[in-house]
Amino acid sequence: MPRALVLFAHPCAESFSAALHDQVVESFQKSGWDVDDCDLNAEGFSPVLTEVERRGYHDEPTNIEPVRDYVERLRAAEALVMVFPVWNFGYPAILKGFLDRVFLPGVSFKLVDGKVRPNLTHIRKLAAVTTYGGTRVRAIMAGDPPRKCVTRAVWHVCRPEKMRYLALYDMNRASDGKRSEFLSRVGREMEAF
């Protein structure tokens, strides 16, 4: 049975992001995936890259020791799905910290002659499910860092066969119908993923 790692980054259980997270997990399970449901807040993940970790960042394989369990979960996954809201045109700190602390040399990439080479190529499917408070135009004007990070940086270290970036823009003014429609779309797309 293929395994999907679902990274969820929102502290509030009643949030729309939580509903999206539940939909993603349910859709993957319906499609026969073994889901490793990683709620970063509920698990108490610390996003802070410490001085000791930064100094040992390139020391493979000991660099993984502080986050070994998360590295093993990432290495076991064939699909990676990140569910998060966009706050201040970026990831929630806990998700950014996960990328800083877990996407390490020897884990997500190898440095070969100073160039980054993908090292998560076992991840065949990559997706992000997210919401933006502002419009797509506002996000574009700000450079849309979360979209670029997923579709360029995370994509580069995985080189997946399939990738989806599902975003609900203008969440601050989204009607119940608009949110419901997006939730349904996420369910359909993740079941077919």
N, C-alpha and C. Protein backbone atom coordinates (compact mmCIF):
# COMPACT_ATOMS: atom_id res chain seq x y z
N MET A 1 0.85 -1.18 0.00
CA MET A 1 0.00 0.00 0.00
C MET A 1 0.89 1.25 0.00
N PRO A 2 0.69 2.16 -0.95
CA PRO A 2 1.53 3.37 -0.98
C PRO A 2 1.24 4.27 0.22
N ARG A 3 2.24 5.02 0.62
CA ARG A 3 2.10 5.88 1.80
C ARG A 3 2.14 7.35 1.40
N ALA A 4 1.22 8.13 1.96
CA ALA A 4 1.19 9.57 1.77
C ALA A 4 1.48 10.26 3.10
N LEU A 5 2.41 11.20 3.07
CA LEU A 5 2.67 12.03 4.24
C LEU A 5 1.89 13.33 4.05
N VAL A 6 0.95 13.59 4.95
CA VAL A 6 0.16 14.81 4.91
C VAL A 6 0.66 15.72 6.03
N LEU A 7 1.25 16.85 5.64
CA LEU A 7 1.74 17.83 6.61
C LEU A 7 0.67 18.90 6.78
N PHE A 8 0.16 19.02 7.99
CA PHE A 8 -0.88 20.00 8.28
C PHE A 8 -0.33 21.06 9.20
N ALA A 9 -0.55 22.35 8.84
CA ALA A 9 0.03 23.45 9.61
C ALA A 9 -1.01 24.53 9.90
N HIS A 10 -1.84 24.28 10.88
CA HIS A 10 -2.78 25.30 11.38
C HIS A 10 -3.09 24.94 12.83
N PRO A 11 -3.05 25.92 13.74
CA PRO A 11 -3.24 25.59 15.15
C PRO A 11 -4.69 25.40 15.59
N CYS A 12 -5.66 25.79 14.77
CA CYS A 12 -7.06 25.77 15.22
C CYS A 12 -7.86 24.65 14.57
N ALA A 13 -8.43 23.78 15.40
CA ALA A 13 -9.18 22.61 14.92
C ALA A 13 -10.47 22.99 14.20
N GLU A 14 -11.02 24.17 14.46
CA GLU A 14 -12.27 24.57 13.83
C GLU A 14 -12.06 25.39 12.56
N SER A 15 -10.82 25.55 12.13
CA SER A 15 -10.51 26.38 10.96
C SER A 15 -10.93 25.70 9.65
N PHE A 16 -11.04 26.50 8.61
CA PHE A 16 -11.31 25.95 7.28
C PHE A 16 -10.12 25.10 6.83
N SER A 17 -8.92 25.50 7.22
CA SER A 17 -7.74 24.68 6.90
C SER A 17 -7.87 23.29 7.50
N ALA A 18 -8.42 23.20 8.71
CA ALA A 18 -8.64 21.89 9.34
C ALA A 18 -9.63 21.05 8.54
N ALA A 19 -10.66 21.70 8.01
CA ALA A 19 -11.63 20.98 7.16
C ALA A 19 -10.96 20.49 5.88
N LEU A 20 -10.09 21.31 5.30
CA LEU A 20 -9.35 20.89 4.11
C LEU A 20 -8.43 19.71 4.43
N HIS A 21 -7.78 19.80 5.58
CA HIS A 21 -6.90 18.71 6.03
C HIS A 21 -7.68 17.41 6.17
N ASP A 22 -8.83 17.47 6.82
CA ASP A 22 -9.67 16.27 6.98
C ASP A 22 -10.07 15.71 5.62
N GLN A 23 -10.40 16.60 4.69
CA GLN A 23 -10.81 16.17 3.35
C GLN A 23 -9.66 15.47 2.63
N VAL A 24 -8.47 16.01 2.74
CA VAL A 24 -7.29 15.41 2.10
C VAL A 24 -7.05 14.01 2.65
N VAL A 25 -7.04 13.88 3.96
CA VAL A 25 -6.79 12.58 4.60
C VAL A 25 -7.87 11.57 4.18
N GLU A 26 -9.12 11.98 4.25
CA GLU A 26 -10.23 11.10 3.89
C GLU A 26 -10.14 10.66 2.42
N SER A 27 -9.82 11.59 1.53
CA SER A 27 -9.74 11.27 0.10
C SER A 27 -8.61 10.29 -0.19
N PHE A 28 -7.47 10.48 0.44
CA PHE A 28 -6.36 9.55 0.23
C PHE A 28 -6.70 8.17 0.77
N GLN A 29 -7.33 8.12 1.93
CA GLN A 29 -7.71 6.83 2.50
C GLN A 29 -8.71 6.11 1.61
N LYS A 30 -9.67 6.86 1.05
CA LYS A 30 -10.65 6.27 0.12
C LYS A 30 -9.98 5.66 -1.10
N SER A 31 -8.87 6.27 -1.51
CA SER A 31 -8.15 5.79 -2.70
C SER A 31 -7.16 4.69 -2.38
N GLY A 32 -7.15 4.22 -1.14
CA GLY A 32 -6.31 3.08 -0.79
C GLY A 32 -4.90 3.43 -0.33
N TRP A 33 -4.66 4.67 0.02
CA TRP A 33 -3.34 5.06 0.52
C TRP A 33 -3.25 4.83 2.02
N ASP A 34 -2.06 4.50 2.49
CA ASP A 34 -1.75 4.51 3.91
C ASP A 34 -1.34 5.95 4.22
N VAL A 35 -2.09 6.63 5.08
CA VAL A 35 -1.85 8.05 5.33
C VAL A 35 -1.10 8.25 6.65
N ASP A 36 0.06 8.89 6.56
CA ASP A 36 0.78 9.34 7.73
C ASP A 36 0.34 10.78 7.95
N ASP A 37 -0.59 10.98 8.87
CA ASP A 37 -1.21 12.28 9.11
C ASP A 37 -0.37 13.05 10.13
N CYS A 38 0.39 14.01 9.67
CA CYS A 38 1.32 14.76 10.52
C CYS A 38 0.77 16.16 10.78
N ASP A 39 0.08 16.31 11.90
CA ASP A 39 -0.43 17.60 12.34
C ASP A 39 0.69 18.24 13.16
N LEU A 40 1.43 19.14 12.53
CA LEU A 40 2.63 19.69 13.15
C LEU A 40 2.35 20.37 14.49
N ASN A 41 1.24 21.10 14.58
CA ASN A 41 0.91 21.77 15.84
C ASN A 41 0.54 20.75 16.92
N ALA A 42 -0.32 19.81 16.58
CA ALA A 42 -0.75 18.81 17.56
C ALA A 42 0.42 17.95 18.05
N GLU A 43 1.38 17.72 17.15
CA GLU A 43 2.56 16.93 17.54
C GLU A 43 3.59 17.74 18.30
N GLY A 44 3.39 19.04 18.38
CA GLY A 44 4.34 19.88 19.12
C GLY A 44 5.67 20.06 18.40
N PHE A 45 5.65 20.01 17.07
CA PHE A 45 6.89 20.18 16.32
C PHE A 45 7.48 21.56 16.60
N SER A 46 8.77 21.60 16.89
CA SER A 46 9.45 22.87 17.11
C SER A 46 10.03 23.35 15.79
N PRO A 47 9.62 24.53 15.32
CA PRO A 47 10.12 25.02 14.04
C PRO A 47 11.48 25.70 14.11
N VAL A 48 12.04 25.82 15.30
CA VAL A 48 13.27 26.59 15.47
C VAL A 48 14.51 25.77 15.13
N LEU A 49 15.24 26.24 14.13
CA LEU A 49 16.54 25.67 13.79
C LEU A 49 17.54 26.23 14.80
N THR A 50 18.04 25.38 15.67
CA THR A 50 18.91 25.85 16.74
C THR A 50 20.32 26.15 16.21
N GLU A 51 21.10 26.81 17.04
CA GLU A 51 22.50 27.09 16.68
C GLU A 51 23.26 25.78 16.43
N VAL A 52 23.06 24.81 17.29
CA VAL A 52 23.75 23.52 17.14
C VAL A 52 23.35 22.85 15.82
N GLU A 53 22.05 22.87 15.51
CA GLU A 53 21.59 22.27 14.25
C GLU A 53 22.18 23.01 13.04
N ARG A 54 22.21 24.34 13.10
CA ARG A 54 22.74 25.10 11.97
C ARG A 54 24.23 24.82 11.77
N ARG A 55 24.96 24.73 12.87
CA ARG A 55 26.40 24.46 12.75
C ARG A 55 26.66 23.06 12.21
N GLY A 56 25.76 22.11 12.48
CA GLY A 56 25.92 20.75 11.98
C GLY A 56 25.10 20.44 10.74
N TYR A 57 24.55 21.48 10.12
CA TYR A 57 23.63 21.33 8.98
C TYR A 57 24.18 20.45 7.87
N HIS A 58 25.44 20.60 7.55
CA HIS A 58 26.03 19.84 6.43
C HIS A 58 26.73 18.56 6.88
N ASP A 59 26.67 18.24 8.16
CA ASP A 59 27.35 17.05 8.68
C ASP A 59 26.47 15.82 8.53
N GLU A 60 26.51 15.22 7.34
CA GLU A 60 25.72 14.00 7.08
C GLU A 60 26.42 12.80 7.69
N PRO A 61 25.76 11.84 8.24
CA PRO A 61 24.33 11.73 8.45
C PRO A 61 23.87 12.21 9.82
N THR A 62 24.80 12.76 10.64
CA THR A 62 24.41 13.16 12.00
C THR A 62 23.48 14.38 12.02
N ASN A 63 23.37 15.10 10.91
CA ASN A 63 22.50 16.28 10.88
C ASN A 63 21.03 15.92 11.10
N ILE A 64 20.67 14.68 10.88
CA ILE A 64 19.25 14.30 11.02
C ILE A 64 18.86 13.95 12.46
N GLU A 65 19.81 13.79 13.34
CA GLU A 65 19.50 13.29 14.70
C GLU A 65 18.38 14.06 15.41
N PRO A 66 18.38 15.40 15.41
CA PRO A 66 17.31 16.10 16.14
C PRO A 66 15.91 15.89 15.56
N VAL A 67 15.83 15.48 14.29
CA VAL A 67 14.53 15.32 13.62
C VAL A 67 14.40 13.94 12.95
N ARG A 68 15.10 12.98 13.49
CA ARG A 68 15.16 11.64 12.88
C ARG A 68 13.78 11.06 12.57
N ASP A 69 12.83 11.15 13.50
CA ASP A 69 11.50 10.56 13.28
C ASP A 69 10.82 11.20 12.07
N TYR A 70 10.95 12.51 11.93
CA TYR A 70 10.33 13.20 10.79
C TYR A 70 11.03 12.85 9.48
N VAL A 71 12.34 12.71 9.53
CA VAL A 71 13.10 12.30 8.34
C VAL A 71 12.65 10.91 7.89
N GLU A 72 12.51 10.00 8.84
CA GLU A 72 12.08 8.64 8.49
C GLU A 72 10.68 8.64 7.89
N ARG A 73 9.80 9.48 8.42
CA ARG A 73 8.44 9.57 7.87
C ARG A 73 8.47 10.13 6.45
N LEU A 74 9.30 11.12 6.21
CA LEU A 74 9.44 11.70 4.88
C LEU A 74 10.03 10.68 3.91
N ARG A 75 11.01 9.95 4.35
CA ARG A 75 11.65 8.93 3.49
C ARG A 75 10.72 7.78 3.17
N ALA A 76 9.71 7.53 4.00
CA ALA A 76 8.77 6.43 3.77
C ALA A 76 7.63 6.81 2.83
N ALA A 77 7.52 8.10 2.50
CA ALA A 77 6.37 8.58 1.72
C ALA A 77 6.59 8.48 0.22
N GLU A 78 5.50 8.17 -0.48
CA GLU A 78 5.49 8.22 -1.95
C GLU A 78 4.72 9.42 -2.44
N ALA A 79 3.95 10.04 -1.54
CA ALA A 79 3.24 11.28 -1.84
C ALA A 79 3.44 12.22 -0.66
N LEU A 80 3.57 13.50 -0.98
CA LEU A 80 3.70 14.53 0.04
C LEU A 80 2.64 15.59 -0.24
N VAL A 81 1.79 15.85 0.76
CA VAL A 81 0.75 16.86 0.62
C VAL A 81 0.87 17.82 1.80
N MET A 82 0.99 19.11 1.48
CA MET A 82 1.08 20.14 2.51
C MET A 82 -0.24 20.90 2.54
N VAL A 83 -0.85 20.97 3.72
CA VAL A 83 -2.12 21.68 3.89
C VAL A 83 -1.85 22.82 4.87
N PHE A 84 -2.04 24.06 4.40
CA PHE A 84 -1.66 25.21 5.20
C PHE A 84 -2.37 26.47 4.71
N PRO A 85 -2.53 27.46 5.58
CA PRO A 85 -3.00 28.77 5.14
C PRO A 85 -1.78 29.62 4.77
N VAL A 86 -1.96 30.57 3.89
CA VAL A 86 -0.90 31.53 3.61
C VAL A 86 -1.11 32.72 4.54
N TRP A 87 -0.10 33.01 5.32
CA TRP A 87 -0.14 34.13 6.26
C TRP A 87 0.99 35.08 5.91
N ASN A 88 0.68 36.35 5.74
CA ASN A 88 1.69 37.35 5.41
C ASN A 88 2.53 36.93 4.21
N PHE A 89 1.86 36.40 3.21
CA PHE A 89 2.47 35.96 1.95
C PHE A 89 3.52 34.87 2.15
N GLY A 90 3.35 34.06 3.20
CA GLY A 90 4.28 32.97 3.45
C GLY A 90 3.62 31.80 4.16
N TYR A 91 4.44 30.79 4.43
CA TYR A 91 3.97 29.64 5.19
C TYR A 91 3.78 30.03 6.65
N PRO A 92 2.92 29.32 7.38
CA PRO A 92 2.95 29.43 8.84
C PRO A 92 4.35 29.03 9.31
N ALA A 93 4.82 29.64 10.37
CA ALA A 93 6.19 29.41 10.85
C ALA A 93 6.49 27.93 11.08
N ILE A 94 5.49 27.19 11.55
CA ILE A 94 5.73 25.78 11.87
C ILE A 94 6.05 24.97 10.60
N LEU A 95 5.43 25.30 9.48
CA LEU A 95 5.72 24.60 8.23
C LEU A 95 7.06 25.05 7.66
N LYS A 96 7.34 26.33 7.72
CA LYS A 96 8.64 26.83 7.27
C LYS A 96 9.74 26.18 8.09
N GLY A 97 9.51 26.05 9.40
CA GLY A 97 10.50 25.41 10.27
C GLY A 97 10.69 23.94 9.93
N PHE A 98 9.61 23.27 9.53
CA PHE A 98 9.73 21.87 9.11
C PHE A 98 10.66 21.78 7.90
N LEU A 99 10.46 22.64 6.93
CA LEU A 99 11.33 22.63 5.75
C LEU A 99 12.77 22.96 6.14
N ASP A 100 12.97 23.93 7.02
CA ASP A 100 14.32 24.30 7.46
C ASP A 100 15.01 23.16 8.19
N ARG A 101 14.28 22.46 9.04
CA ARG A 101 14.89 21.45 9.92
C ARG A 101 14.92 20.05 9.33
N VAL A 102 13.98 19.71 8.44
CA VAL A 102 13.86 18.33 7.95
C VAL A 102 14.37 18.18 6.51
N PHE A 103 14.23 19.19 5.69
CA PHE A 103 14.72 19.13 4.31
C PHE A 103 16.21 19.47 4.31
N LEU A 104 16.99 18.52 4.81
CA LEU A 104 18.41 18.68 5.06
C LEU A 104 19.28 18.12 3.93
N PRO A 105 20.56 18.52 3.90
CA PRO A 105 21.49 17.85 3.00
C PRO A 105 21.53 16.36 3.34
N GLY A 106 21.45 15.53 2.32
CA GLY A 106 21.42 14.09 2.54
C GLY A 106 20.01 13.56 2.71
N VAL A 107 19.05 14.45 2.93
CA VAL A 107 17.65 14.06 3.07
C VAL A 107 16.90 14.51 1.82
N SER A 108 16.72 15.80 1.66
CA SER A 108 15.96 16.28 0.50
C SER A 108 16.85 16.58 -0.70
N PHE A 109 18.11 16.81 -0.45
CA PHE A 109 19.02 17.10 -1.56
C PHE A 109 20.44 16.65 -1.23
N LYS A 110 21.22 16.54 -2.28
CA LYS A 110 22.66 16.29 -2.18
C LYS A 110 23.36 17.46 -2.83
N LEU A 111 24.43 17.92 -2.23
CA LEU A 111 25.24 18.95 -2.87
C LEU A 111 26.34 18.27 -3.66
N VAL A 112 26.34 18.47 -4.97
CA VAL A 112 27.34 17.88 -5.85
C VAL A 112 28.02 19.02 -6.60
N ASP A 113 29.29 19.23 -6.32
CA ASP A 113 30.03 20.35 -6.91
C ASP A 113 29.30 21.67 -6.69
N GLY A 114 28.74 21.84 -5.50
CA GLY A 114 28.06 23.07 -5.15
C GLY A 114 26.66 23.21 -5.70
N LYS A 115 26.17 22.20 -6.41
CA LYS A 115 24.83 22.26 -6.99
C LYS A 115 23.90 21.32 -6.25
N VAL A 116 22.63 21.76 -6.11
CA VAL A 116 21.62 20.97 -5.42
C VAL A 116 21.10 19.90 -6.36
N ARG A 117 21.20 18.65 -5.91
CA ARG A 117 20.67 17.51 -6.67
C ARG A 117 19.51 16.90 -5.88
N PRO A 118 18.41 16.59 -6.54
CA PRO A 118 17.23 16.04 -5.85
C PRO A 118 17.55 14.74 -5.12
N ASN A 119 16.97 14.59 -3.93
CA ASN A 119 17.19 13.38 -3.16
C ASN A 119 15.90 12.81 -2.58
N LEU A 120 14.75 13.38 -2.96
CA LEU A 120 13.46 12.85 -2.51
C LEU A 120 12.68 12.32 -3.72
N THR A 121 13.39 11.70 -4.63
CA THR A 121 12.77 11.27 -5.88
C THR A 121 11.83 10.07 -5.71
N HIS A 122 11.78 9.50 -4.51
CA HIS A 122 10.79 8.45 -4.23
C HIS A 122 9.40 9.06 -4.06
N ILE A 123 9.33 10.37 -3.86
CA ILE A 123 8.03 11.05 -3.76
C ILE A 123 7.52 11.28 -5.18
N ARG A 124 6.54 10.47 -5.55
CA ARG A 124 6.00 10.51 -6.92
C ARG A 124 4.93 11.56 -7.10
N LYS A 125 4.32 11.98 -5.99
CA LYS A 125 3.21 12.93 -6.06
C LYS A 125 3.41 14.01 -5.01
N LEU A 126 3.24 15.24 -5.43
CA LEU A 126 3.42 16.39 -4.55
C LEU A 126 2.21 17.31 -4.71
N ALA A 127 1.65 17.74 -3.58
CA ALA A 127 0.51 18.65 -3.65
C ALA A 127 0.55 19.63 -2.48
N ALA A 128 -0.05 20.79 -2.74
CA ALA A 128 -0.28 21.77 -1.69
C ALA A 128 -1.75 22.16 -1.76
N VAL A 129 -2.37 22.26 -0.60
CA VAL A 129 -3.77 22.68 -0.49
C VAL A 129 -3.75 23.86 0.48
N THR A 130 -4.15 25.03 -0.02
CA THR A 130 -3.95 26.23 0.77
C THR A 130 -5.04 27.27 0.56
N THR A 131 -5.04 28.26 1.44
CA THR A 131 -5.95 29.39 1.34
C THR A 131 -5.15 30.68 1.48
N TYR A 132 -5.60 31.71 0.79
CA TYR A 132 -5.00 33.04 0.86
C TYR A 132 -6.08 34.01 1.32
N GLY A 133 -5.78 34.90 2.23
CA GLY A 133 -6.75 35.90 2.64
C GLY A 133 -7.06 36.88 1.52
N GLY A 134 -6.05 37.21 0.73
CA GLY A 134 -6.19 38.17 -0.36
C GLY A 134 -6.45 37.51 -1.70
N THR A 135 -6.60 38.35 -2.68
CA THR A 135 -6.88 37.90 -4.05
C THR A 135 -5.63 37.34 -4.72
N ARG A 136 -5.84 36.66 -5.83
CA ARG A 136 -4.72 36.13 -6.61
C ARG A 136 -3.85 37.28 -7.12
N VAL A 137 -4.46 38.39 -7.49
CA VAL A 137 -3.70 39.54 -7.98
C VAL A 137 -2.77 40.06 -6.88
N ARG A 138 -3.27 40.17 -5.66
CA ARG A 138 -2.40 40.60 -4.55
C ARG A 138 -1.25 39.63 -4.34
N ALA A 139 -1.55 38.35 -4.43
CA ALA A 139 -0.49 37.34 -4.25
C ALA A 139 0.56 37.48 -5.35
N ILE A 140 0.11 37.66 -6.59
CA ILE A 140 1.05 37.82 -7.71
C ILE A 140 1.90 39.07 -7.52
N MET A 141 1.26 40.15 -7.09
CA MET A 141 2.01 41.40 -6.88
C MET A 141 3.09 41.23 -5.81
N ALA A 142 2.85 40.34 -4.85
CA ALA A 142 3.84 40.07 -3.79
C ALA A 142 4.81 38.96 -4.20
N GLY A 143 4.65 38.42 -5.41
CA GLY A 143 5.53 37.36 -5.88
C GLY A 143 5.06 35.95 -5.56
N ASP A 144 3.99 35.83 -4.79
CA ASP A 144 3.41 34.54 -4.38
C ASP A 144 4.48 33.55 -3.92
N PRO A 145 5.24 33.90 -2.86
CA PRO A 145 6.31 33.03 -2.39
C PRO A 145 5.89 31.59 -2.06
N PRO A 146 4.72 31.35 -1.41
CA PRO A 146 4.40 29.95 -1.11
C PRO A 146 4.24 29.09 -2.36
N ARG A 147 3.55 29.63 -3.37
CA ARG A 147 3.38 28.89 -4.63
C ARG A 147 4.74 28.60 -5.26
N LYS A 148 5.59 29.59 -5.30
CA LYS A 148 6.91 29.40 -5.92
C LYS A 148 7.76 28.40 -5.13
N CYS A 149 7.67 28.46 -3.83
CA CYS A 149 8.45 27.52 -3.01
C CYS A 149 8.01 26.08 -3.27
N VAL A 150 6.69 25.85 -3.32
CA VAL A 150 6.19 24.49 -3.56
C VAL A 150 6.51 24.06 -4.99
N THR A 151 6.17 24.91 -5.97
CA THR A 151 6.26 24.49 -7.38
C THR A 151 7.67 24.57 -7.94
N ARG A 152 8.58 25.18 -7.22
CA ARG A 152 9.97 25.25 -7.69
C ARG A 152 10.93 24.54 -6.74
N ALA A 153 11.02 25.03 -5.50
CA ALA A 153 12.02 24.48 -4.57
C ALA A 153 11.67 23.07 -4.10
N VAL A 154 10.46 22.88 -3.58
CA VAL A 154 10.08 21.54 -3.11
C VAL A 154 9.97 20.60 -4.32
N TRP A 155 9.39 21.09 -5.41
CA TRP A 155 9.31 20.28 -6.63
C TRP A 155 10.70 19.82 -7.07
N HIS A 156 11.67 20.71 -7.01
CA HIS A 156 13.02 20.39 -7.50
C HIS A 156 13.64 19.23 -6.73
N VAL A 157 13.45 19.17 -5.42
CA VAL A 157 14.10 18.10 -4.65
C VAL A 157 13.34 16.79 -4.74
N CYS A 158 12.09 16.84 -5.22
CA CYS A 158 11.29 15.61 -5.38
C CYS A 158 11.24 15.13 -6.83
N ARG A 159 11.08 16.04 -7.75
CA ARG A 159 10.87 15.72 -9.16
C ARG A 159 9.72 14.73 -9.33
N PRO A 160 8.55 15.08 -8.79
CA PRO A 160 7.41 14.15 -8.81
C PRO A 160 6.85 13.95 -10.22
N GLU A 161 6.16 12.82 -10.38
CA GLU A 161 5.46 12.54 -11.64
C GLU A 161 4.22 13.42 -11.76
N LYS A 162 3.63 13.76 -10.62
CA LYS A 162 2.40 14.55 -10.62
C LYS A 162 2.48 15.60 -9.51
N MET A 163 2.02 16.81 -9.83
CA MET A 163 2.03 17.89 -8.86
C MET A 163 0.76 18.72 -8.98
N ARG A 164 0.20 19.13 -7.84
CA ARG A 164 -0.99 19.99 -7.82
C ARG A 164 -0.78 21.08 -6.77
N TYR A 165 -1.20 22.28 -7.12
CA TYR A 165 -1.21 23.40 -6.17
C TYR A 165 -2.64 23.91 -6.18
N LEU A 166 -3.39 23.59 -5.14
CA LEU A 166 -4.80 23.95 -5.05
C LEU A 166 -4.95 25.09 -4.04
N ALA A 167 -5.39 26.24 -4.54
CA ALA A 167 -5.47 27.41 -3.68
C ALA A 167 -6.83 28.08 -3.78
N LEU A 168 -7.36 28.44 -2.63
CA LEU A 168 -8.55 29.27 -2.56
C LEU A 168 -8.08 30.68 -2.21
N TYR A 169 -8.18 31.58 -3.17
CA TYR A 169 -7.79 32.97 -2.96
C TYR A 169 -8.99 33.76 -2.44
N ASP A 170 -8.70 34.92 -1.85
CA ASP A 170 -9.72 35.84 -1.35
C ASP A 170 -10.58 35.20 -0.27
N MET A 171 -9.95 34.41 0.56
CA MET A 171 -10.63 33.70 1.65
C MET A 171 -11.38 34.67 2.58
N ASN A 172 -10.85 35.87 2.73
CA ASN A 172 -11.48 36.85 3.63
C ASN A 172 -12.90 37.21 3.19
N ARG A 173 -13.19 37.03 1.90
CA ARG A 173 -14.53 37.36 1.41
C ARG A 173 -15.25 36.15 0.80
N ALA A 174 -14.69 34.97 1.00
CA ALA A 174 -15.29 33.77 0.40
C ALA A 174 -16.61 33.41 1.09
N SER A 175 -17.62 33.17 0.28
CA SER A 175 -18.93 32.76 0.82
C SER A 175 -18.88 31.30 1.26
N ASP A 176 -19.91 30.88 1.98
CA ASP A 176 -20.01 29.47 2.36
C ASP A 176 -20.00 28.60 1.11
N GLY A 177 -20.69 29.04 0.06
CA GLY A 177 -20.75 28.29 -1.19
C GLY A 177 -19.39 28.15 -1.84
N LYS A 178 -18.61 29.23 -1.83
CA LYS A 178 -17.27 29.21 -2.43
C LYS A 178 -16.36 28.25 -1.65
N ARG A 179 -16.44 28.29 -0.32
CA ARG A 179 -15.62 27.39 0.50
C ARG A 179 -16.05 25.94 0.29
N SER A 180 -17.35 25.70 0.23
CA SER A 180 -17.87 24.35 0.01
C SER A 180 -17.44 23.81 -1.35
N GLU A 181 -17.49 24.66 -2.35
CA GLU A 181 -17.07 24.27 -3.70
C GLU A 181 -15.59 23.90 -3.73
N PHE A 182 -14.76 24.68 -3.03
CA PHE A 182 -13.33 24.39 -2.98
C PHE A 182 -13.07 23.09 -2.22
N LEU A 183 -13.76 22.88 -1.13
CA LEU A 183 -13.62 21.65 -0.35
C LEU A 183 -13.96 20.43 -1.21
N SER A 184 -15.01 20.53 -2.00
CA SER A 184 -15.39 19.43 -2.90
C SER A 184 -14.33 19.21 -3.97
N ARG A 185 -13.80 20.30 -4.51
CA ARG A 185 -12.75 20.19 -5.53
C ARG A 185 -11.52 19.49 -4.96
N VAL A 186 -11.13 19.87 -3.75
CA VAL A 186 -9.99 19.23 -3.10
C VAL A 186 -10.25 17.74 -2.93
N GLY A 187 -11.45 17.37 -2.50
CA GLY A 187 -11.79 15.95 -2.35
C GLY A 187 -11.67 15.19 -3.65
N ARG A 188 -12.24 15.74 -4.72
CA ARG A 188 -12.17 15.08 -6.03
C ARG A 188 -10.73 14.95 -6.52
N GLU A 189 -9.98 16.03 -6.42
CA GLU A 189 -8.61 16.01 -6.94
C GLU A 189 -7.71 15.08 -6.14
N MET A 190 -7.89 15.04 -4.84
CA MET A 190 -7.03 14.17 -4.01
C MET A 190 -7.43 12.70 -4.18
N GLU A 191 -8.70 12.41 -4.40
CA GLU A 191 -9.10 11.02 -4.67
C GLU A 191 -8.50 10.53 -5.98
N ALA A 192 -8.41 11.40 -6.96
CA ALA A 192 -7.86 11.04 -8.27
C ALA A 192 -6.34 11.15 -8.32
N PHE A 193 -5.75 11.67 -7.29
CA PHE A 193 -4.31 11.94 -7.26
C PHE A 193 -3.52 10.66 -7.27
